[in-house]
Every structure is written in C-alpha cells, then in structure tokens.
Amino acid sequence: MGLDTDNLDLVRGWVAAHPALARVFESCVYFLTRAGHAFGVRGSVASGRIDAYSDLDFIIGVARGGRIEQALEQLGRELVSLGEPLGMFAADHLGKANLLVVYLKSGPSIVKIDVEAHATPIALDAPFLTLCDPAGCFASLAPAAPTIDPVLASQKFCCWLWFIHGKIERGEFFHAARSIDFSREHALLPCIRQRLCLPQDGHRRIEELLPEGLLKSLAETYPERLTRDVLRTAFDALSALFQFEILPLVVSEVDRETEARRFATVRATIDVDRQRPPGGVP
C-alpha cells in the first residue's frame, strides 16, 4: 500500500487524546488508501500541535490522467458517511476550487476535514507529513517559503490608511473596522511574521508566537466600539506600527526613504483632514 508507518503512527499518537478526531482520521486514511491516492497531512495535525478543535488537513496527489473534481466528489461521498454531515462545499471563498471542506458531527464533537487535491507532483508548504506516497510525489520537494515584498506591503498599507480614514470620517464604521482588520492581516502581520522568521499564517497562534509588548500593540488596533473616536484610536495604533514593523524590512536605503516619505504624506494629509469641520469640503 505504500503507507509511511512511522509518520502514520506519529499522527495517530497525536490524535489519540481526541476520540472524534482519531475516529475520523482512521477512516480518512482508509478511504484515501483504497482510492490509491498519494496523500499526507499538513497544519497542526502534521506538527503535533493538536487540540479538540483542530482540523484534519489532507493533501492528496491525484495520479496522472485522473480528474481532481472526480476524486474529490468520490471522497466527499465517503466522508459524509462518517457521521452526521453538517456541510460539504468547495473552498471557493478562498479561491480554491480544489479544496473540499467537510463538517461532521462525530460523537459529542464536530470535526472539520479539509482535503486539497492536486495533480502530481506537488509543491508544499511546511509543516507536512507524507502518509502514503509510493510513487515519490512528495519526497523530492522542499517546502516553499513565502516571502513578503516589503516595498509593496508599504505601498499597500499607506494607501489603505487613507481608505480606512475615509470610511471613518464618512461614518461607515462597520466597513472601517473591517478595513482595519484587512490591513492588519494582509500587510502588517505578514511583515511582522517575516521580521520574526515565522511562517506566513495570518493570525494563527500569534498569542504564543509574538512578544508580549507587540501583542499589546496589536491589541490596540482592535476597536472596542464602533464610534468615530474609538475607530480613530485603533487606526492610530495601526498606523504607528508602520515605522517599527514594515519600514525596517525595506532593505534599500533609497526605497526606505521613499516609503518613509509616502507614509509621512498620507499621515499628514489624514491629520489635516481630521481638523475639517463635519460636512466641510477638503
């Protein structure tokens, strides 16, 4: 069958403390082995950082000539037999039509299963553990290491500051709060993770990974209420992190000076605009 028994036993040991996960994991391994796919696990189930709320994240390699859609459709039919199906859908919301998401009620718990299918060979991010790979689809591939372009991140961040400011001043407070979240996740956090040599994984486990002082500064970027004054305070906290977390990543001195000027221009324009009387013309 080509199972990697060492890795399989490792994962079994990690999920054993969580019966619902353990039951579903064993069934998934059975279905995938029977289908003849190369497969492995990634995320928390591949790193051992598992708790009762962890997903079961599988990557499968569909043999040459096979169809990804057909493989996921067949697997989906089998997975919903493992418990009470609560939902099954493609991850179109993430732009991944090749990722099947399944939620199952299993015993007293709910288990989420992600199965991402690829034509082989497959390039993967760490952490990843091969569980079955008789043809060596995964063996020769080094983990990809996403990197951030700090100049592009700086440009986006600065422009998004003006966008957020407009939403706050216009009174679109829900949109402003969402835009602060978006800027934090898509510009600020990637730069923080790159500076600290952490994997690019968004907000995931930042409570455990970031220094206490930085966590406190990040917490201040979350508005406690949807009012203009409170949103401005969260906005200012977000803006203040630019010089500490984004600008230092810019390697070229010329680029760094350019980005510092860009930020100063946007920030000064915002500060002046805040002094404008309500309804006044900029």
Protein backbone atom coordinates (compact mmCIF):
# COMPACT_ATOMS: atom_id res chain seq x y z
CA MET A 1 0.00 0.00 0.00
CA GLY A 2 3.00 2.30 0.39
CA LEU A 3 1.96 3.69 3.79
CA ASP A 4 4.63 5.53 5.78
CA THR A 5 4.02 3.70 9.03
CA ASP A 6 6.39 5.89 11.06
CA ASN A 7 4.57 9.10 10.15
CA LEU A 8 1.20 7.38 10.46
CA ASP A 9 1.99 6.18 13.98
CA LEU A 10 3.22 9.67 14.86
CA VAL A 11 -0.08 11.28 13.85
CA ARG A 12 -2.08 8.51 15.50
CA GLY A 13 -0.30 9.24 18.74
CA TRP A 14 -1.11 12.95 18.48
CA VAL A 15 -4.83 12.50 17.72
CA ALA A 16 -5.35 9.67 20.22
CA ALA A 17 -6.28 12.10 23.01
CA HIS A 18 -9.22 13.34 20.92
CA PRO A 19 -11.55 10.40 20.09
CA ALA A 20 -13.65 12.20 17.46
CA LEU A 21 -10.55 13.30 15.55
CA ALA A 22 -8.97 9.86 15.91
CA ARG A 23 -12.05 8.06 14.54
CA VAL A 24 -12.40 10.32 11.53
CA PHE A 25 -8.66 10.31 10.84
CA GLU A 26 -8.54 6.50 10.65
CA SER A 27 -11.48 6.42 8.26
CA CYS A 28 -9.91 9.10 6.06
CA VAL A 29 -6.69 7.10 5.85
CA TYR A 30 -8.69 4.01 4.87
CA PHE A 31 -10.64 5.82 2.14
CA LEU A 32 -7.58 7.55 0.68
CA THR A 33 -5.51 4.37 0.69
CA ARG A 34 -8.29 2.43 -1.01
CA ALA A 35 -8.61 5.13 -3.67
CA GLY A 36 -4.90 4.79 -4.48
CA HIS A 37 -4.00 8.46 -3.97
CA ALA A 38 -0.70 9.77 -2.66
CA PHE A 39 -1.62 11.70 0.48
CA GLY A 40 -0.33 13.38 3.58
CA VAL A 41 -1.33 15.84 6.28
CA ARG A 42 -0.36 19.42 6.99
CA GLY A 43 -1.02 22.14 9.55
CA SER A 44 -1.46 21.33 13.22
CA VAL A 45 -2.04 17.64 12.56
CA ALA A 46 1.41 17.49 10.92
CA SER A 47 3.18 19.48 13.64
CA GLY A 48 1.68 17.79 16.69
CA ARG A 49 0.03 21.00 17.93
CA ILE A 50 -3.37 19.33 18.09
CA ASP A 51 -6.33 20.07 20.29
CA ALA A 52 -10.02 19.13 20.13
CA TYR A 53 -10.72 21.98 17.69
CA SER A 54 -8.01 21.14 15.15
CA ASP A 55 -8.87 20.49 11.52
CA LEU A 56 -7.83 17.33 9.72
CA ASP A 57 -5.95 18.84 6.76
CA PHE A 58 -5.17 16.36 3.98
CA ILE A 59 -3.28 16.90 0.73
CA ILE A 60 -3.85 14.31 -1.98
CA GLY A 61 -1.99 13.77 -5.20
CA VAL A 62 -4.26 12.62 -8.00
CA ALA A 63 -2.46 10.24 -10.31
CA ARG A 64 -1.60 11.47 -13.80
CA GLY A 65 -4.65 11.17 -16.00
CA GLY A 66 -7.01 11.35 -13.03
CA ARG A 67 -9.52 14.17 -12.55
CA ILE A 68 -9.35 16.31 -9.41
CA GLU A 69 -13.09 17.02 -9.44
CA GLN A 70 -13.94 13.33 -9.70
CA ALA A 71 -11.51 12.39 -6.91
CA LEU A 72 -13.00 14.99 -4.53
CA GLU A 73 -16.56 14.05 -5.42
CA GLN A 74 -15.91 10.38 -4.65
CA LEU A 75 -14.10 11.19 -1.42
CA GLY A 76 -16.88 13.56 -0.34
CA ARG A 77 -19.47 10.79 -0.66
CA GLU A 78 -17.38 8.59 1.61
CA LEU A 79 -16.57 11.26 4.19
CA VAL A 80 -20.21 12.19 4.86
CA SER A 81 -20.83 8.57 5.88
CA LEU A 82 -18.55 9.00 8.91
CA GLY A 83 -21.03 10.97 11.00
CA GLU A 84 -23.87 13.44 10.72
CA PRO A 85 -22.94 15.72 7.79
CA LEU A 86 -23.34 19.40 8.63
CA GLY A 87 -21.88 20.82 5.44
CA MET A 88 -19.71 19.98 2.44
CA PHE A 89 -18.50 22.57 -0.06
CA ALA A 90 -15.58 23.67 -2.19
CA ALA A 91 -13.48 26.48 -0.70
CA ASP A 92 -14.49 28.98 -3.37
CA HIS A 93 -14.43 31.68 -0.67
CA LEU A 94 -10.66 31.16 -0.59
CA GLY A 95 -10.31 30.90 -4.36
CA LYS A 96 -9.58 27.17 -4.07
CA ALA A 97 -11.97 25.06 -6.10
CA ASN A 98 -9.63 22.10 -5.50
CA LEU A 99 -10.15 22.24 -1.71
CA LEU A 100 -13.07 20.25 -0.30
CA VAL A 101 -14.33 21.28 3.14
CA VAL A 102 -16.46 18.89 5.20
CA TYR A 103 -18.00 19.41 8.65
CA LEU A 104 -19.22 16.33 10.51
CA LYS A 105 -20.95 15.78 13.84
CA SER A 106 -18.97 12.90 15.33
CA GLY A 107 -20.00 11.79 18.81
CA PRO A 108 -20.13 14.81 21.12
CA SER A 109 -17.92 16.91 18.86
CA ILE A 110 -17.75 18.46 15.38
CA VAL A 111 -14.83 17.63 13.09
CA LYS A 112 -13.70 19.74 10.14
CA ILE A 113 -11.91 17.95 7.30
CA ASP A 114 -10.04 19.76 4.54
CA VAL A 115 -8.94 17.79 1.50
CA GLU A 116 -6.90 19.67 -1.09
CA ALA A 117 -6.32 17.79 -4.33
CA HIS A 118 -3.51 18.43 -6.81
CA ALA A 119 -2.16 16.85 -9.94
CA THR A 120 1.24 15.38 -9.14
CA PRO A 121 3.99 16.37 -8.50
CA ILE A 122 3.06 18.76 -5.68
CA ALA A 123 4.95 21.70 -4.16
CA LEU A 124 4.05 22.10 -0.49
CA ASP A 125 4.50 24.44 2.44
CA ALA A 126 5.71 23.09 5.78
CA PRO A 127 4.63 21.56 8.06
CA PHE A 128 3.71 18.49 6.03
CA LEU A 129 3.92 14.76 6.72
CA THR A 130 3.71 12.14 3.99
CA LEU A 131 1.41 9.25 4.88
CA CYS A 132 1.24 7.38 1.57
CA ASP A 133 3.43 8.13 -1.42
CA PRO A 134 4.57 5.01 -3.29
CA ALA A 135 5.49 6.98 -6.41
CA GLY A 136 7.53 9.62 -4.56
CA CYS A 137 5.29 12.59 -5.41
CA PHE A 138 6.28 14.50 -2.27
CA ALA A 139 9.71 13.12 -1.40
CA SER A 140 11.92 15.35 -3.55
CA LEU A 141 10.09 18.61 -2.94
CA ALA A 142 11.46 21.16 -0.48
CA PRO A 143 8.86 23.21 1.46
CA ALA A 144 8.02 26.53 -0.16
CA ALA A 145 8.91 29.60 1.88
CA PRO A 146 6.62 32.52 1.09
CA THR A 147 8.34 35.89 1.28
CA ILE A 148 6.89 39.37 1.50
CA ASP A 149 7.86 42.26 -0.74
CA PRO A 150 8.19 44.99 1.94
CA VAL A 151 8.08 47.85 -0.57
CA LEU A 152 4.80 46.59 -1.99
CA ALA A 153 3.48 45.96 1.52
CA SER A 154 4.40 49.52 2.47
CA GLN A 155 2.66 50.99 -0.57
CA LYS A 156 -0.50 48.99 0.10
CA PHE A 157 -0.50 49.81 3.80
CA CYS A 158 -0.13 53.54 3.20
CA CYS A 159 -2.89 53.62 0.59
CA TRP A 160 -5.17 51.52 2.77
CA LEU A 161 -4.69 54.02 5.61
CA TRP A 162 -6.33 56.72 3.50
CA PHE A 163 -9.11 54.30 2.52
CA ILE A 164 -9.80 53.47 6.18
CA HIS A 165 -9.71 57.13 7.15
CA GLY A 166 -12.37 57.89 4.54
CA LYS A 167 -14.66 55.20 5.90
CA ILE A 168 -14.28 56.50 9.46
CA GLU A 169 -14.94 60.11 8.52
CA ARG A 170 -17.88 59.15 6.32
CA GLY A 171 -19.46 57.29 9.22
CA GLU A 172 -19.17 53.83 7.66
CA PHE A 173 -17.99 52.34 10.92
CA PHE A 174 -18.59 48.67 10.17
CA HIS A 175 -16.68 48.99 6.90
CA ALA A 176 -13.89 50.91 8.65
CA ALA A 177 -13.47 48.19 11.29
CA ARG A 178 -13.36 45.52 8.60
CA SER A 179 -10.79 47.52 6.64
CA ILE A 180 -8.56 47.83 9.72
CA ASP A 181 -8.72 44.04 10.05
CA PHE A 182 -7.89 43.61 6.36
CA SER A 183 -4.86 45.93 6.52
CA ARG A 184 -3.59 44.23 9.64
CA GLU A 185 -3.90 40.77 8.11
CA HIS A 186 -2.66 41.50 4.58
CA ALA A 187 0.15 44.00 5.22
CA LEU A 188 1.12 44.36 8.86
CA LEU A 189 1.05 40.76 10.10
CA PRO A 190 2.91 39.32 7.09
CA CYS A 191 5.73 41.83 7.72
CA ILE A 192 5.77 41.03 11.43
CA ARG A 193 5.99 37.32 10.71
CA GLN A 194 8.76 37.85 8.17
CA ARG A 195 10.75 40.02 10.57
CA LEU A 196 10.48 37.36 13.28
CA CYS A 197 11.18 34.48 10.82
CA LEU A 198 7.78 32.92 11.46
CA PRO A 199 5.68 31.03 8.89
CA GLN A 200 3.15 33.14 6.99
CA ASP A 201 -0.01 32.01 8.75
CA GLY A 202 -2.06 35.12 9.43
CA HIS A 203 -3.44 35.47 12.95
CA ARG A 204 -2.92 31.79 13.74
CA ARG A 205 -1.43 31.24 17.23
CA ILE A 206 0.05 34.73 17.42
CA GLU A 207 -0.69 34.72 21.16
CA GLU A 208 2.00 32.05 21.53
CA LEU A 209 4.45 33.37 18.94
CA LEU A 210 4.74 37.14 19.34
CA PRO A 211 6.47 39.09 22.13
CA GLU A 212 4.17 40.41 24.85
CA GLY A 213 4.80 44.06 24.01
CA LEU A 214 3.98 43.53 20.34
CA LEU A 215 0.80 41.65 21.23
CA LYS A 216 -0.28 44.59 23.37
CA SER A 217 0.36 46.98 20.47
CA LEU A 218 -1.61 44.76 18.10
CA ALA A 219 -4.50 44.52 20.56
CA GLU A 220 -4.76 48.30 20.49
CA THR A 221 -5.55 48.12 16.75
CA TYR A 222 -8.87 46.39 17.54
CA PRO A 223 -11.69 48.91 18.11
CA GLU A 224 -13.71 48.27 21.25
CA ARG A 225 -16.75 50.13 19.90
CA LEU A 226 -17.94 51.33 16.52
CA THR A 227 -17.70 55.06 17.11
CA ARG A 228 -15.59 57.64 15.30
CA ASP A 229 -13.33 58.39 18.27
CA VAL A 230 -12.70 54.73 19.11
CA LEU A 231 -12.06 53.82 15.47
CA ARG A 232 -9.63 56.73 15.16
CA THR A 233 -7.73 55.44 18.20
CA ALA A 234 -7.48 51.92 16.71
CA PHE A 235 -6.48 53.44 13.37
CA ASP A 236 -3.71 55.47 15.02
CA ALA A 237 -2.42 52.33 16.76
CA LEU A 238 -2.33 50.54 13.39
CA SER A 239 -0.60 53.48 11.74
CA ALA A 240 2.02 53.73 14.49
CA LEU A 241 3.25 50.17 13.83
CA PHE A 242 4.39 51.11 10.31
CA GLN A 243 7.77 52.51 11.39
CA PHE A 244 8.52 49.52 13.63
CA GLU A 245 7.24 46.56 11.63
CA ILE A 246 7.09 47.46 7.93
CA LEU A 247 9.65 50.17 7.19
CA PRO A 248 12.64 48.31 8.76
CA LEU A 249 12.12 45.42 6.31
CA VAL A 250 12.84 47.67 3.33
CA VAL A 251 16.47 46.84 2.52
CA SER A 252 17.45 49.61 0.11
CA GLU A 253 18.14 52.94 1.80
CA VAL A 254 16.67 54.77 -1.20
CA ASP A 255 13.49 52.67 -1.05
CA ARG A 256 13.30 53.11 2.71
CA GLU A 257 13.44 56.90 2.36
CA THR A 258 10.79 56.77 -0.38
CA GLU A 259 8.46 54.69 1.75
CA ALA A 260 9.03 56.91 4.79
CA ARG A 261 8.03 59.93 2.69
CA ARG A 262 5.00 58.10 1.35
CA PHE A 263 3.82 57.29 4.86
CA ALA A 264 4.51 60.83 6.09
CA THR A 265 2.50 62.28 3.20
CA VAL A 266 -0.51 60.07 3.83
CA ARG A 267 -0.38 60.53 7.59
CA ALA A 268 -0.04 64.33 7.38
CA THR A 269 -2.93 64.52 4.93
CA ILE A 270 -5.10 62.49 7.29
CA ASP A 271 -4.18 64.64 10.29
CA VAL A 272 -5.12 67.83 8.41
CA ASP A 273 -8.34 66.30 7.13
CA ARG A 274 -9.39 65.38 10.66
CA GLN A 275 -9.46 69.06 11.54
CA ARG A 276 -12.03 69.74 8.86
CA PRO A 277 -15.49 70.60 10.24
CA PRO A 278 -18.17 67.96 9.60
CA GLY A 279 -19.50 68.39 6.09
CA GLY A 280 -16.64 70.68 5.12
CA VAL A 281 -15.01 70.42 1.72
CA PRO A 282 -11.41 69.06 1.70
